[in-house]
Amino acid sequence: MCGKTFPFKVAMQKHQPGLYCSRVCANKADKPGRREARGGKGRYINSQGYVQIQVARGKFRSEHRLVMEQHLGRSLLPTETVHHRNGVKTDNRLENLELWSSQHSKGQRVEDLVEFAREILALYG
């Protein structure tokens, strides 16, 4: 960010290798992004590294979830999460995102598993 050269290990402190020479530099870079979001630009990276988009005054949502919802044409279910295939939390291209479901069956009997499979097929086709 500041143009200084620095060892790779130091850069890992903010989970973005190669960007910051120190915590001070990283914090300075982080604050303008948050101010931009409050000032109406509507976009910043949160402390977990995910891009947040302003959807209403004072309300932000994760961009990767919004991209997946737009692709599906519906809201995500409580049992669904969106995974970044390449592990880069700011890479929210649709081809880098995949839908995961944490819905599990209630039992292990064959009848229960068959019923669960039917429910999954009805939901996701």
N, C-alpha and C. Protein backbone atom coordinates (compact mmCIF):
# COMPACT_ATOMS: atom_id res chain seq x y z
N MET A 1 0.82 -1.20 0.00
CA MET A 1 0.00 0.00 0.00
C MET A 1 0.86 1.26 0.00
N CYS A 2 1.86 1.30 0.87
CA CYS A 2 2.65 2.53 1.02
C CYS A 2 3.85 2.56 0.09
N GLY A 3 4.16 1.44 -0.58
CA GLY A 3 5.28 1.41 -1.51
C GLY A 3 6.59 0.97 -0.91
N LYS A 4 6.64 0.72 0.41
CA LYS A 4 7.87 0.26 1.05
C LYS A 4 8.09 -1.22 0.73
N THR A 5 9.36 -1.64 0.75
CA THR A 5 9.64 -3.07 0.62
C THR A 5 9.67 -3.66 2.02
N PHE A 6 9.28 -4.92 2.14
CA PHE A 6 9.18 -5.55 3.45
C PHE A 6 9.18 -7.06 3.29
N PRO A 7 9.52 -7.79 4.38
CA PRO A 7 9.52 -9.26 4.30
C PRO A 7 8.10 -9.80 4.19
N PHE A 8 7.96 -10.93 3.48
CA PHE A 8 6.66 -11.55 3.25
C PHE A 8 5.94 -11.87 4.56
N LYS A 9 6.64 -12.35 5.58
CA LYS A 9 6.02 -12.76 6.84
C LYS A 9 5.23 -11.62 7.49
N VAL A 10 5.76 -10.42 7.43
CA VAL A 10 5.08 -9.27 8.01
C VAL A 10 3.76 -9.01 7.30
N ALA A 11 3.74 -9.22 6.00
CA ALA A 11 2.55 -8.94 5.21
C ALA A 11 1.38 -9.84 5.58
N MET A 12 1.62 -10.99 6.15
CA MET A 12 0.56 -11.93 6.49
C MET A 12 -0.29 -11.47 7.67
N GLN A 13 0.10 -10.42 8.36
CA GLN A 13 -0.61 -9.99 9.55
C GLN A 13 -2.05 -9.62 9.28
N LYS A 14 -2.38 -9.11 8.12
CA LYS A 14 -3.75 -8.71 7.80
C LYS A 14 -4.41 -9.68 6.82
N HIS A 15 -3.90 -10.88 6.67
CA HIS A 15 -4.46 -11.91 5.81
C HIS A 15 -4.46 -11.50 4.34
N GLN A 16 -3.66 -10.51 3.97
CA GLN A 16 -3.56 -10.11 2.58
C GLN A 16 -2.09 -9.99 2.24
N PRO A 17 -1.44 -11.11 1.89
CA PRO A 17 0.00 -11.12 1.66
C PRO A 17 0.45 -10.08 0.64
N GLY A 18 1.53 -9.41 0.98
CA GLY A 18 2.15 -8.49 0.06
C GLY A 18 1.57 -7.09 0.01
N LEU A 19 0.58 -6.77 0.83
CA LEU A 19 -0.04 -5.46 0.75
C LEU A 19 0.50 -4.46 1.77
N TYR A 20 0.80 -4.92 2.98
CA TYR A 20 1.12 -3.99 4.05
C TYR A 20 2.49 -4.27 4.64
N CYS A 21 3.20 -3.18 4.97
CA CYS A 21 4.53 -3.33 5.55
C CYS A 21 4.46 -3.47 7.07
N SER A 22 3.36 -3.07 7.68
CA SER A 22 3.22 -3.13 9.14
C SER A 22 1.75 -3.06 9.51
N ARG A 23 1.45 -3.31 10.77
CA ARG A 23 0.08 -3.17 11.25
C ARG A 23 -0.39 -1.73 11.13
N VAL A 24 0.49 -0.79 11.39
CA VAL A 24 0.14 0.63 11.29
C VAL A 24 -0.31 0.97 9.87
N CYS A 25 0.45 0.51 8.89
CA CYS A 25 0.10 0.75 7.48
C CYS A 25 -1.23 0.07 7.14
N ALA A 26 -1.43 -1.14 7.60
CA ALA A 26 -2.67 -1.88 7.34
C ALA A 26 -3.86 -1.17 7.96
N ASN A 27 -3.70 -0.69 9.18
CA ASN A 27 -4.80 0.01 9.85
C ASN A 27 -5.15 1.31 9.15
N LYS A 28 -4.14 2.03 8.69
CA LYS A 28 -4.39 3.27 7.95
C LYS A 28 -5.15 2.98 6.67
N ALA A 29 -4.79 1.90 6.01
CA ALA A 29 -5.46 1.53 4.76
C ALA A 29 -6.88 1.06 5.02
N ASP A 30 -7.12 0.41 6.15
CA ASP A 30 -8.43 -0.14 6.48
C ASP A 30 -9.44 0.96 6.79
N LYS A 31 -9.01 1.99 7.49
CA LYS A 31 -9.94 3.02 7.94
C LYS A 31 -10.60 3.80 6.82
N PRO A 32 -9.87 4.21 5.77
CA PRO A 32 -10.56 4.93 4.69
C PRO A 32 -11.66 4.09 4.05
N GLY A 33 -11.45 2.79 3.91
CA GLY A 33 -12.47 1.92 3.32
C GLY A 33 -13.73 1.92 4.15
N ARG A 34 -13.60 1.90 5.46
CA ARG A 34 -14.77 1.92 6.32
C ARG A 34 -15.46 3.28 6.25
N ARG A 35 -14.69 4.34 6.18
CA ARG A 35 -15.27 5.67 6.07
C ARG A 35 -16.02 5.82 4.75
N GLU A 36 -15.46 5.26 3.68
CA GLU A 36 -16.14 5.32 2.38
C GLU A 36 -17.52 4.67 2.48
N ALA A 37 -17.59 3.53 3.18
CA ALA A 37 -18.86 2.83 3.30
C ALA A 37 -19.88 3.68 4.05
N ARG A 38 -19.45 4.34 5.10
CA ARG A 38 -20.36 5.18 5.87
C ARG A 38 -20.73 6.44 5.09
N GLY A 39 -19.82 6.89 4.25
CA GLY A 39 -20.05 8.12 3.51
C GLY A 39 -20.89 7.96 2.26
N GLY A 40 -21.35 6.76 1.96
CA GLY A 40 -22.24 6.58 0.82
C GLY A 40 -21.65 5.76 -0.31
N LYS A 41 -20.37 5.47 -0.31
CA LYS A 41 -19.80 4.66 -1.39
C LYS A 41 -20.31 3.23 -1.30
N GLY A 42 -20.62 2.77 -0.09
CA GLY A 42 -21.33 1.53 0.08
C GLY A 42 -20.55 0.25 -0.06
N ARG A 43 -19.25 0.27 0.18
CA ARG A 43 -18.46 -0.95 0.00
C ARG A 43 -17.22 -0.90 0.89
N TYR A 44 -16.94 -2.01 1.60
CA TYR A 44 -15.71 -2.11 2.39
C TYR A 44 -15.41 -3.57 2.66
N ILE A 45 -14.22 -3.85 3.16
CA ILE A 45 -13.83 -5.21 3.53
C ILE A 45 -13.90 -5.30 5.04
N ASN A 46 -14.66 -6.27 5.56
CA ASN A 46 -14.81 -6.38 7.00
C ASN A 46 -13.61 -7.06 7.65
N SER A 47 -13.63 -7.19 8.96
CA SER A 47 -12.48 -7.73 9.69
C SER A 47 -12.20 -9.20 9.37
N GLN A 48 -13.19 -9.92 8.82
CA GLN A 48 -12.97 -11.32 8.42
C GLN A 48 -12.47 -11.41 6.98
N GLY A 49 -12.38 -10.28 6.27
CA GLY A 49 -11.85 -10.27 4.91
C GLY A 49 -12.88 -10.34 3.81
N TYR A 50 -14.18 -10.29 4.15
CA TYR A 50 -15.24 -10.37 3.15
C TYR A 50 -15.67 -8.97 2.71
N VAL A 51 -15.98 -8.82 1.43
CA VAL A 51 -16.48 -7.55 0.90
C VAL A 51 -17.92 -7.37 1.36
N GLN A 52 -18.19 -6.20 1.93
CA GLN A 52 -19.53 -5.86 2.40
C GLN A 52 -20.10 -4.78 1.48
N ILE A 53 -21.37 -4.93 1.12
CA ILE A 53 -22.06 -4.00 0.23
C ILE A 53 -23.23 -3.38 1.00
N GLN A 54 -23.38 -2.07 0.86
CA GLN A 54 -24.49 -1.40 1.52
C GLN A 54 -25.77 -1.68 0.75
N VAL A 55 -26.78 -2.22 1.44
CA VAL A 55 -28.06 -2.54 0.81
C VAL A 55 -29.17 -1.60 1.27
N ALA A 56 -28.95 -0.94 2.38
CA ALA A 56 -29.88 0.05 2.91
C ALA A 56 -29.07 0.96 3.83
N ARG A 57 -29.65 2.05 4.23
CA ARG A 57 -28.92 2.97 5.10
C ARG A 57 -28.51 2.26 6.39
N GLY A 58 -27.20 2.16 6.60
CA GLY A 58 -26.68 1.52 7.80
C GLY A 58 -26.71 0.00 7.78
N LYS A 59 -27.14 -0.60 6.66
CA LYS A 59 -27.21 -2.07 6.59
C LYS A 59 -26.32 -2.58 5.47
N PHE A 60 -25.45 -3.53 5.81
CA PHE A 60 -24.51 -4.11 4.85
C PHE A 60 -24.71 -5.60 4.79
N ARG A 61 -24.44 -6.18 3.61
CA ARG A 61 -24.49 -7.63 3.43
C ARG A 61 -23.25 -8.07 2.70
N SER A 62 -22.89 -9.33 2.87
CA SER A 62 -21.71 -9.89 2.20
C SER A 62 -21.96 -10.00 0.70
N GLU A 63 -21.00 -9.49 -0.08
CA GLU A 63 -21.14 -9.47 -1.53
C GLU A 63 -21.26 -10.87 -2.11
N HIS A 64 -20.49 -11.84 -1.60
CA HIS A 64 -20.53 -13.19 -2.17
C HIS A 64 -21.92 -13.82 -2.00
N ARG A 65 -22.59 -13.52 -0.91
CA ARG A 65 -23.94 -14.04 -0.70
C ARG A 65 -24.93 -13.36 -1.65
N LEU A 66 -24.76 -12.05 -1.85
CA LEU A 66 -25.64 -11.33 -2.78
C LEU A 66 -25.47 -11.83 -4.21
N VAL A 67 -24.22 -12.09 -4.62
CA VAL A 67 -23.95 -12.61 -5.97
C VAL A 67 -24.64 -13.96 -6.17
N MET A 68 -24.54 -14.84 -5.17
CA MET A 68 -25.17 -16.16 -5.28
C MET A 68 -26.69 -16.05 -5.29
N GLU A 69 -27.25 -15.18 -4.46
CA GLU A 69 -28.70 -14.99 -4.44
C GLU A 69 -29.20 -14.47 -5.79
N GLN A 70 -28.47 -13.55 -6.39
CA GLN A 70 -28.85 -13.02 -7.69
C GLN A 70 -28.80 -14.13 -8.75
N HIS A 71 -27.78 -14.97 -8.68
CA HIS A 71 -27.66 -16.09 -9.62
C HIS A 71 -28.81 -17.09 -9.46
N LEU A 72 -29.16 -17.39 -8.21
CA LEU A 72 -30.23 -18.36 -7.94
C LEU A 72 -31.62 -17.77 -8.18
N GLY A 73 -31.72 -16.45 -8.08
CA GLY A 73 -33.02 -15.80 -8.22
C GLY A 73 -33.87 -15.92 -6.97
N ARG A 74 -33.23 -16.15 -5.84
CA ARG A 74 -33.94 -16.28 -4.56
C ARG A 74 -32.98 -16.00 -3.42
N SER A 75 -33.52 -15.83 -2.23
CA SER A 75 -32.69 -15.66 -1.04
C SER A 75 -32.09 -17.00 -0.64
N LEU A 76 -30.93 -16.94 -0.01
CA LEU A 76 -30.32 -18.18 0.48
C LEU A 76 -31.10 -18.71 1.66
N LEU A 77 -31.16 -20.02 1.77
CA LEU A 77 -31.81 -20.66 2.90
C LEU A 77 -30.89 -20.62 4.12
N PRO A 78 -31.43 -20.73 5.32
CA PRO A 78 -30.58 -20.73 6.52
C PRO A 78 -29.56 -21.87 6.53
N THR A 79 -29.84 -22.94 5.80
CA THR A 79 -28.94 -24.10 5.76
C THR A 79 -27.87 -23.98 4.68
N GLU A 80 -27.87 -22.87 3.90
CA GLU A 80 -26.95 -22.71 2.78
C GLU A 80 -25.84 -21.69 3.09
N THR A 81 -24.65 -22.02 2.61
CA THR A 81 -23.52 -21.10 2.70
C THR A 81 -22.89 -20.99 1.31
N VAL A 82 -22.08 -19.94 1.12
CA VAL A 82 -21.41 -19.74 -0.15
C VAL A 82 -19.91 -19.86 0.10
N HIS A 83 -19.27 -20.74 -0.66
CA HIS A 83 -17.85 -21.03 -0.49
C HIS A 83 -17.05 -20.43 -1.64
N HIS A 84 -15.88 -19.82 -1.31
CA HIS A 84 -14.96 -19.31 -2.33
C HIS A 84 -14.03 -20.46 -2.75
N ARG A 85 -14.11 -20.90 -3.97
CA ARG A 85 -13.33 -22.04 -4.45
C ARG A 85 -11.83 -21.82 -4.32
N ASN A 86 -11.35 -20.62 -4.65
CA ASN A 86 -9.90 -20.38 -4.59
C ASN A 86 -9.44 -19.85 -3.24
N GLY A 87 -10.35 -19.69 -2.29
CA GLY A 87 -10.00 -19.25 -0.95
C GLY A 87 -9.81 -17.75 -0.80
N VAL A 88 -9.94 -17.01 -1.89
CA VAL A 88 -9.78 -15.55 -1.84
C VAL A 88 -11.15 -14.93 -1.55
N LYS A 89 -11.31 -14.40 -0.35
CA LYS A 89 -12.61 -13.92 0.10
C LYS A 89 -13.10 -12.67 -0.63
N THR A 90 -12.23 -11.99 -1.34
CA THR A 90 -12.64 -10.80 -2.09
C THR A 90 -12.91 -11.10 -3.56
N ASP A 91 -12.69 -12.35 -3.98
CA ASP A 91 -12.93 -12.75 -5.37
C ASP A 91 -14.36 -13.29 -5.47
N ASN A 92 -15.29 -12.39 -5.76
CA ASN A 92 -16.70 -12.75 -5.75
C ASN A 92 -17.29 -12.95 -7.14
N ARG A 93 -16.44 -13.38 -8.09
CA ARG A 93 -16.94 -13.76 -9.41
C ARG A 93 -17.77 -15.04 -9.24
N LEU A 94 -18.86 -15.15 -9.97
CA LEU A 94 -19.74 -16.30 -9.86
C LEU A 94 -18.99 -17.62 -10.07
N GLU A 95 -18.03 -17.64 -11.02
CA GLU A 95 -17.29 -18.88 -11.28
C GLU A 95 -16.38 -19.27 -10.12
N ASN A 96 -16.14 -18.38 -9.18
CA ASN A 96 -15.33 -18.70 -8.01
C ASN A 96 -16.19 -19.07 -6.79
N LEU A 97 -17.50 -19.00 -6.93
CA LEU A 97 -18.39 -19.27 -5.81
C LEU A 97 -19.13 -20.59 -6.02
N GLU A 98 -19.34 -21.31 -4.91
CA GLU A 98 -20.17 -22.51 -4.98
C GLU A 98 -21.09 -22.55 -3.78
N LEU A 99 -22.29 -23.07 -4.01
CA LEU A 99 -23.31 -23.16 -2.98
C LEU A 99 -23.11 -24.44 -2.18
N TRP A 100 -23.07 -24.31 -0.87
CA TRP A 100 -22.95 -25.47 0.02
C TRP A 100 -24.20 -25.55 0.88
N SER A 101 -24.60 -26.76 1.18
CA SER A 101 -25.75 -26.98 2.06
C SER A 101 -25.29 -27.74 3.28
N SER A 102 -25.74 -27.29 4.45
CA SER A 102 -25.40 -28.00 5.68
C SER A 102 -26.59 -28.76 6.23
N GLN A 103 -27.60 -28.95 5.37
CA GLN A 103 -28.79 -29.69 5.77
C GLN A 103 -28.46 -31.17 5.85
N HIS A 104 -28.82 -31.79 6.92
CA HIS A 104 -28.53 -33.22 7.10
C HIS A 104 -29.79 -33.98 7.48
N SER A 105 -29.78 -35.25 7.19
CA SER A 105 -30.94 -36.07 7.53
C SER A 105 -31.01 -36.29 9.04
N LYS A 106 -32.20 -36.68 9.50
CA LYS A 106 -32.41 -36.87 10.94
C LYS A 106 -32.01 -38.25 11.41
N GLY A 107 -31.86 -39.19 10.52
CA GLY A 107 -31.53 -40.56 10.93
C GLY A 107 -30.69 -41.26 9.88
N GLN A 108 -30.32 -42.48 10.17
CA GLN A 108 -29.49 -43.24 9.24
C GLN A 108 -30.21 -44.45 8.67
N ARG A 109 -31.48 -44.62 9.02
CA ARG A 109 -32.22 -45.73 8.42
C ARG A 109 -32.37 -45.47 6.93
N VAL A 110 -32.43 -46.52 6.14
CA VAL A 110 -32.53 -46.40 4.69
C VAL A 110 -33.75 -45.56 4.30
N GLU A 111 -34.88 -45.79 4.95
CA GLU A 111 -36.09 -45.02 4.63
C GLU A 111 -35.85 -43.53 4.86
N ASP A 112 -35.13 -43.20 5.94
CA ASP A 112 -34.85 -41.80 6.25
C ASP A 112 -33.92 -41.19 5.20
N LEU A 113 -32.91 -41.94 4.80
CA LEU A 113 -31.96 -41.44 3.81
C LEU A 113 -32.62 -41.24 2.45
N VAL A 114 -33.51 -42.16 2.05
CA VAL A 114 -34.22 -42.04 0.78
C VAL A 114 -35.11 -40.80 0.82
N GLU A 115 -35.79 -40.59 1.93
CA GLU A 115 -36.65 -39.41 2.07
C GLU A 115 -35.82 -38.13 2.02
N PHE A 116 -34.68 -38.15 2.67
CA PHE A 116 -33.78 -36.99 2.65
C PHE A 116 -33.30 -36.71 1.22
N ALA A 117 -32.96 -37.77 0.49
CA ALA A 117 -32.52 -37.61 -0.90
C ALA A 117 -33.62 -36.99 -1.76
N ARG A 118 -34.86 -37.40 -1.54
CA ARG A 118 -35.99 -36.82 -2.28
C ARG A 118 -36.15 -35.33 -1.97
N GLU A 119 -35.99 -34.97 -0.69
CA GLU A 119 -36.08 -33.57 -0.29
C GLU A 119 -35.00 -32.73 -0.96
N ILE A 120 -33.78 -33.26 -0.99
CA ILE A 120 -32.66 -32.54 -1.62
C ILE A 120 -32.91 -32.37 -3.12
N LEU A 121 -33.37 -33.44 -3.78
CA LEU A 121 -33.66 -33.36 -5.21
C LEU A 121 -34.78 -32.38 -5.51
N ALA A 122 -35.79 -32.34 -4.64
CA ALA A 122 -36.89 -31.40 -4.84
C ALA A 122 -36.41 -29.96 -4.67
N LEU A 123 -35.49 -29.76 -3.75
CA LEU A 123 -34.98 -28.42 -3.49
C LEU A 123 -34.02 -27.93 -4.55
N TYR A 124 -33.08 -28.79 -4.96
CA TYR A 124 -32.02 -28.37 -5.87
C TYR A 124 -32.13 -28.93 -7.28
N GLY A 125 -33.03 -29.89 -7.47
CA GLY A 125 -33.22 -30.45 -8.82
C GLY A 125 -32.09 -31.27 -9.23
